[in-house]
Amino acid sequence: MTSNEKIKTDQSEIYIAKEGPAELDKARFDFSNVSYKQGRESGRIQVRIQHLAKKIEAASATDDIDDLLAQFDALMDQQEGYIFAAVDYVPQAWLTTNAPLAGGIDWQTPESIQWLRVDKLQALAKAKNDAQNSPN
C-alpha cells in the first residue's frame, strides 16, 4: 500500500493513511503490475462494449437478446478486471455502508467490487484514466 502504515488489530488489518485527510477523499492507483498490452486490450474491450450496447439498443422487441446480454456481461467483467487491477485505495465514502474500512480491502481480488457503490464506478474509472494519463 502506498504511503500507508499498516496496523493489526484482533479483527483485521487496518491501514492508516499518512498523507492526511485530503488524500482520503481520492482514489489511488498503482500501475506497476499493469502492462501496456493489458491497457490496449482494455481499449479494445471498451470499443466492443460500445458496439454491443448499440446492437442491444437496436434489437427489436421480438429479438432474443439474452445472448447479447450475456456477451455484454462478459465484456463488463473483463473491463472491471482491468479497472480494479490498478486500484490501490478507494475512499470510504465511495463504498457501501456495510463495507469494511477502505484501507483493509484488497482491490486485487474480484470480490472487492461488491463494496463499491454503483454510483461510483464511473468516477473510479475516470479517476483511473486521469491517473494513468497524468505526467507523473
Protein backbone atom coordinates (compact mmCIF):
# COMPACT_ATOMS: atom_id res chain seq x y z
CA MET A 1 0.00 0.00 0.00
CA THR A 2 1.48 3.35 -0.94
CA SER A 3 2.37 5.70 1.88
CA ASN A 4 0.20 3.89 4.39
CA GLU A 5 1.03 2.44 7.73
CA LYS A 6 -0.41 -1.00 8.48
CA ILE A 7 -1.51 -1.92 11.97
CA LYS A 8 -3.01 -5.18 13.15
CA THR A 9 -5.97 -5.50 15.47
CA ASP A 10 -7.74 -8.58 16.77
CA GLN A 11 -10.30 -8.22 13.97
CA SER A 12 -8.30 -7.29 10.86
CA GLU A 13 -5.54 -5.25 9.35
CA ILE A 14 -6.24 -1.53 9.17
CA TYR A 15 -4.33 0.90 7.03
CA ILE A 16 -3.79 4.41 8.32
CA ALA A 17 -3.08 6.97 5.62
CA LYS A 18 -0.04 9.12 6.35
CA GLU A 19 -0.84 11.71 3.67
CA GLY A 20 -3.57 13.50 5.60
CA PRO A 21 -7.35 13.87 5.41
CA ALA A 22 -7.44 15.32 1.87
CA GLU A 23 -5.81 12.17 0.48
CA LEU A 24 -8.53 10.00 2.00
CA ASP A 25 -11.03 11.55 -0.44
CA LYS A 26 -9.14 10.39 -3.55
CA ALA A 27 -8.84 7.02 -5.20
CA ARG A 28 -5.23 5.88 -5.61
CA PHE A 29 -3.77 3.59 -8.24
CA ASP A 30 -0.63 1.50 -8.74
CA PHE A 31 0.11 0.68 -12.37
CA SER A 32 3.29 -1.27 -11.65
CA ASN A 33 1.56 -4.58 -12.46
CA VAL A 34 -0.49 -3.38 -15.44
CA SER A 35 1.22 -3.86 -18.79
CA TYR A 36 0.91 -1.85 -21.98
CA LYS A 37 -0.70 -4.90 -23.61
CA GLN A 38 -3.37 -5.01 -20.89
CA GLY A 39 -4.06 -1.32 -21.47
CA ARG A 40 -4.51 -1.88 -25.21
CA GLU A 41 -6.82 -4.82 -24.55
CA SER A 42 -8.88 -2.64 -22.22
CA GLY A 43 -9.35 -0.14 -25.05
CA ARG A 44 -10.50 -2.89 -27.39
CA ILE A 45 -12.91 -4.16 -24.76
CA GLN A 46 -14.38 -0.67 -24.38
CA VAL A 47 -14.99 -0.46 -28.15
CA ARG A 48 -16.66 -3.90 -28.07
CA ILE A 49 -18.87 -2.80 -25.17
CA GLN A 50 -19.98 0.32 -27.07
CA HIS A 51 -20.65 -1.69 -30.24
CA LEU A 52 -22.61 -4.33 -28.35
CA ALA A 53 -24.62 -1.66 -26.48
CA LYS A 54 -25.72 -0.24 -29.85
CA LYS A 55 -26.74 -3.73 -31.00
CA ILE A 56 -28.76 -4.22 -27.82
CA GLU A 57 -30.48 -0.84 -28.28
CA ALA A 58 -31.29 -1.65 -31.90
CA ALA A 59 -32.76 -5.06 -31.08
CA SER A 60 -36.49 -5.21 -31.62
CA ALA A 61 -38.95 -6.34 -29.00
CA THR A 62 -39.25 -9.70 -30.77
CA ASP A 63 -35.47 -10.34 -30.80
CA ASP A 64 -33.98 -12.70 -28.26
CA ILE A 65 -31.33 -10.54 -26.63
CA ASP A 66 -30.24 -12.99 -23.93
CA ASP A 67 -27.12 -13.93 -25.92
CA LEU A 68 -26.26 -10.25 -26.47
CA LEU A 69 -26.72 -9.52 -22.77
CA ALA A 70 -24.51 -12.48 -21.82
CA GLN A 71 -21.79 -11.14 -24.14
CA PHE A 72 -22.22 -7.68 -22.64
CA ASP A 73 -21.89 -9.04 -19.08
CA ALA A 74 -18.73 -10.97 -20.01
CA LEU A 75 -17.15 -7.85 -21.53
CA MET A 76 -18.09 -5.76 -18.49
CA ASP A 77 -16.46 -8.35 -16.22
CA GLN A 78 -13.27 -8.12 -18.28
CA GLN A 79 -13.31 -4.31 -18.22
CA GLU A 80 -13.92 -4.20 -14.47
CA GLY A 81 -10.99 -6.57 -14.03
CA TYR A 82 -8.75 -4.08 -15.80
CA ILE A 83 -10.08 -1.13 -13.79
CA PHE A 84 -9.51 -2.93 -10.50
CA ALA A 85 -6.08 -4.33 -11.46
CA ALA A 86 -4.57 -0.92 -10.72
CA VAL A 87 -6.73 0.15 -7.76
CA ASP A 88 -4.74 0.70 -4.58
CA TYR A 89 -7.27 2.61 -2.46
CA VAL A 90 -10.89 3.78 -2.76
CA PRO A 91 -12.34 6.43 -0.42
CA GLN A 92 -14.66 5.11 2.25
CA ALA A 93 -17.42 7.46 1.01
CA TRP A 94 -17.42 5.55 -2.30
CA LEU A 95 -18.19 2.25 -0.56
CA THR A 96 -21.45 0.68 0.56
CA THR A 97 -22.45 1.23 4.16
CA ASN A 98 -21.71 -2.41 5.07
CA ALA A 99 -18.20 -2.34 3.57
CA PRO A 100 -15.11 -2.88 5.72
CA LEU A 101 -12.71 0.00 6.25
CA ALA A 102 -11.46 1.22 2.86
CA GLY A 103 -7.80 0.59 3.60
CA GLY A 104 -8.48 -3.01 4.54
CA ILE A 105 -9.99 -4.07 1.20
CA ASP A 106 -7.76 -5.99 -1.21
CA TRP A 107 -8.79 -4.43 -4.51
CA GLN A 108 -6.85 -7.04 -6.47
CA THR A 109 -9.49 -9.68 -5.73
CA PRO A 110 -12.60 -9.82 -7.95
CA GLU A 111 -14.86 -9.95 -4.88
CA SER A 112 -13.80 -6.46 -3.84
CA ILE A 113 -16.14 -4.87 -6.40
CA GLN A 114 -19.05 -5.84 -4.16
CA TRP A 115 -18.11 -2.99 -1.82
CA LEU A 116 -18.10 -0.21 -4.44
CA ARG A 117 -21.30 1.83 -4.64
CA VAL A 118 -22.99 1.53 -8.02
CA ASP A 119 -22.96 5.31 -8.48
CA LYS A 120 -19.16 5.44 -8.05
CA LEU A 121 -17.99 3.01 -10.77
CA GLN A 122 -17.78 5.73 -13.43
CA ALA A 123 -15.98 8.07 -11.00
CA LEU A 124 -13.46 5.31 -10.27
CA ALA A 125 -12.95 4.60 -13.98
CA LYS A 126 -12.44 8.33 -14.66
CA ALA A 127 -10.00 8.66 -11.74
CA LYS A 128 -8.06 5.67 -13.09
CA ASN A 129 -7.88 7.19 -16.56
CA ASP A 130 -6.80 10.57 -15.13
CA ALA A 131 -4.10 8.90 -13.01
CA GLN A 132 -2.90 6.80 -15.94
CA ASN A 133 -2.67 9.83 -18.22
CA SER A 134 -1.06 12.19 -15.69
CA PRO A 135 2.53 13.22 -16.42
CA ASN A 136 3.77 11.93 -13.03
